[in-house]
Amino acid sequence: MGMAAQITEADISAAIGLAWQIGRLDYRRRQTQKYLKAKTEQAWARGCRKIYWECTRRLGKSSELLATFSEHCQQTPGWRAGFFAPVKDGLKDYIEPIIEETFKDCPSHLRPFFNEARLMLEYANGAVIVFRGSNNKQHRIRRGQEFHEVGIDECRDVDELDVLVDSVLMPSLFDKGGHMYMSSSPADTRSHPLFRYRQQAESGGWLIKITIWDANKMDPFVYPIERIREWQRETLQSVDGESKWKREYECEWVINVSRAAVPEWSNAFVMDIPRDPYYQFYQHYVAIDWGYRDFTAIGFATYIYRRAKLQVEGELAFSGKEVRSDRISEAITDHAKKLWGPDWSARQVSDSADPILINELNKFPGMNVVPVEKAHTLEAMLNEFRVLVNLGNVVVSPKCPLTLHCLSNAIWDEHRKKLDQDVFARHFDHLMQLVYMTRILDTASNPIPPDFMIDGQRIIELNFDKKKSPTQAGRTLEEAFSGAKRFG
């Protein structure tokens, strides 16, 4: 019986050298990283041009991205890859640890030269990996370059991600038919442009998701359950700890509560309140938040006095050249008639920032807009609105998607001086029109006439929603009521 040949350190060193020489680095990959590679290659085979790695922290996404680029550079003379990091300053400090981790066991004679002046790795065969910062709008001056592949590290921390992806990097891949890697854990709001790419990735089959629990199953010795629990305990003790754990380790799109503009908002407040016989007496409201590049947001609501709730029933949005007083007045009138009938009337309010627009709008029939009286700060004004939401006094129809999106996703900017920008709802304008509306809301006056009765009986079956067909009993009551006289 022969003895098995022993593997020496020299054998291991030679094998590692060969792996780097031919650009086959699977020996250094953990199971999680092999999973990323396999799923990525499957997406490329299906014709995808982008891939999105949505992964837990501590997975080694950055070094895996760099190792992938290095494989391709070793395999293909003249290969050109672009590595975009989420920094505006200190790019060298950001990438040097990633380079050291990636090439820590690469033989020195095979290791590419790091050109600090040009911030690129240069290979002996003419291939290069170019490193660039992606923040402070640096990407706007990177147009015109050509790459075989590009990668964006930690997309959630990139300024103007949509500009970088769509206007800079995708065109840079056109001539060479290249691919794009997007790597990140979720952002702290669905308003981030990354969420749009995430949705596209999920529907297009180019999303690869690995949570911390997936990592434990694939690499239990690298991610032992005891260490994960320790990380979890430490994270939960931090500010916004539960949301941070779900977002950064379980890859859930959870809003940072500390940045949420209306954290009290709940899906329980999404409803259509059935119209009762008293609806015809309730006060209607129209509110406007002016915008040009952002939305001119318009909301329609009714205060349901008997239930003490402001019911948001409709919304409109205009932007750019659509923002004209004649178009807006016509649209408000048409929408109000659909909601409240031809003889509608409503209290009307708008942002006070543009009095000229208010004056222009009020020249048209039915328009009687007054400027809102604002609180001394935006935060104070929003806090007053939040009280109403917390009491359950604001409900929104499912037919108002922009308003609902703003209530669920509106966040403060980093300095908490204004609301942040949003990829869907611009500047959360439909939230602000609703805030303005509540500042003129009359909750004290009872609009229901004291003599609203027939033969001393409360009316319960009248049909004031003209869009629905009345029952025979309801029609009879309506006819009786129409002939009733008021006393007083």
Foldseek 3Di string as FASTA:
>chain_A
DDDDDDDDPVNVLVVLQVCLQQLNPPVPDFLVLVVVVVLQVVLVVVPDQEFEEAEFPPRLPLLSVVSNLSSVCSNDQQAEEEEEEADDPDQVVVCPVSLCVNCVSHPPVQFFDQDPVQRWTAGPSGYIYGYDYQAPPPQVVQAPAAHQEYEYEALLSGPPSVCNPPVGPVVNNVVNVHHYYYYHFAHQFCLGPVVVVVVVCVVVVRYDYYALVNVCVRPVPVNPPVVVVVVLVVQCPDQLSVQCCCGRHVRDRHHSCVFALQSLDDPVQADDDDDWPQQLQWAKEWFWEDDAQAWGKIWIWTQPQVVLAIETEDIDTDYHPCPDLVNVLVVVQVVQCLVRNNPDAHAYEYAPPDVVSLVRNVVDPRRDYDYFDDDPAPSVLSVVVSVCSNVSRYHYYPNYVLLVSLNVGWTAPPVNRAIDAGPPRGRSRSVVRVSSRVRPDDNPDDRGDPQCDDPPDHDGQADPNVVDDGDPVNVVVVVVSVPDDDDD
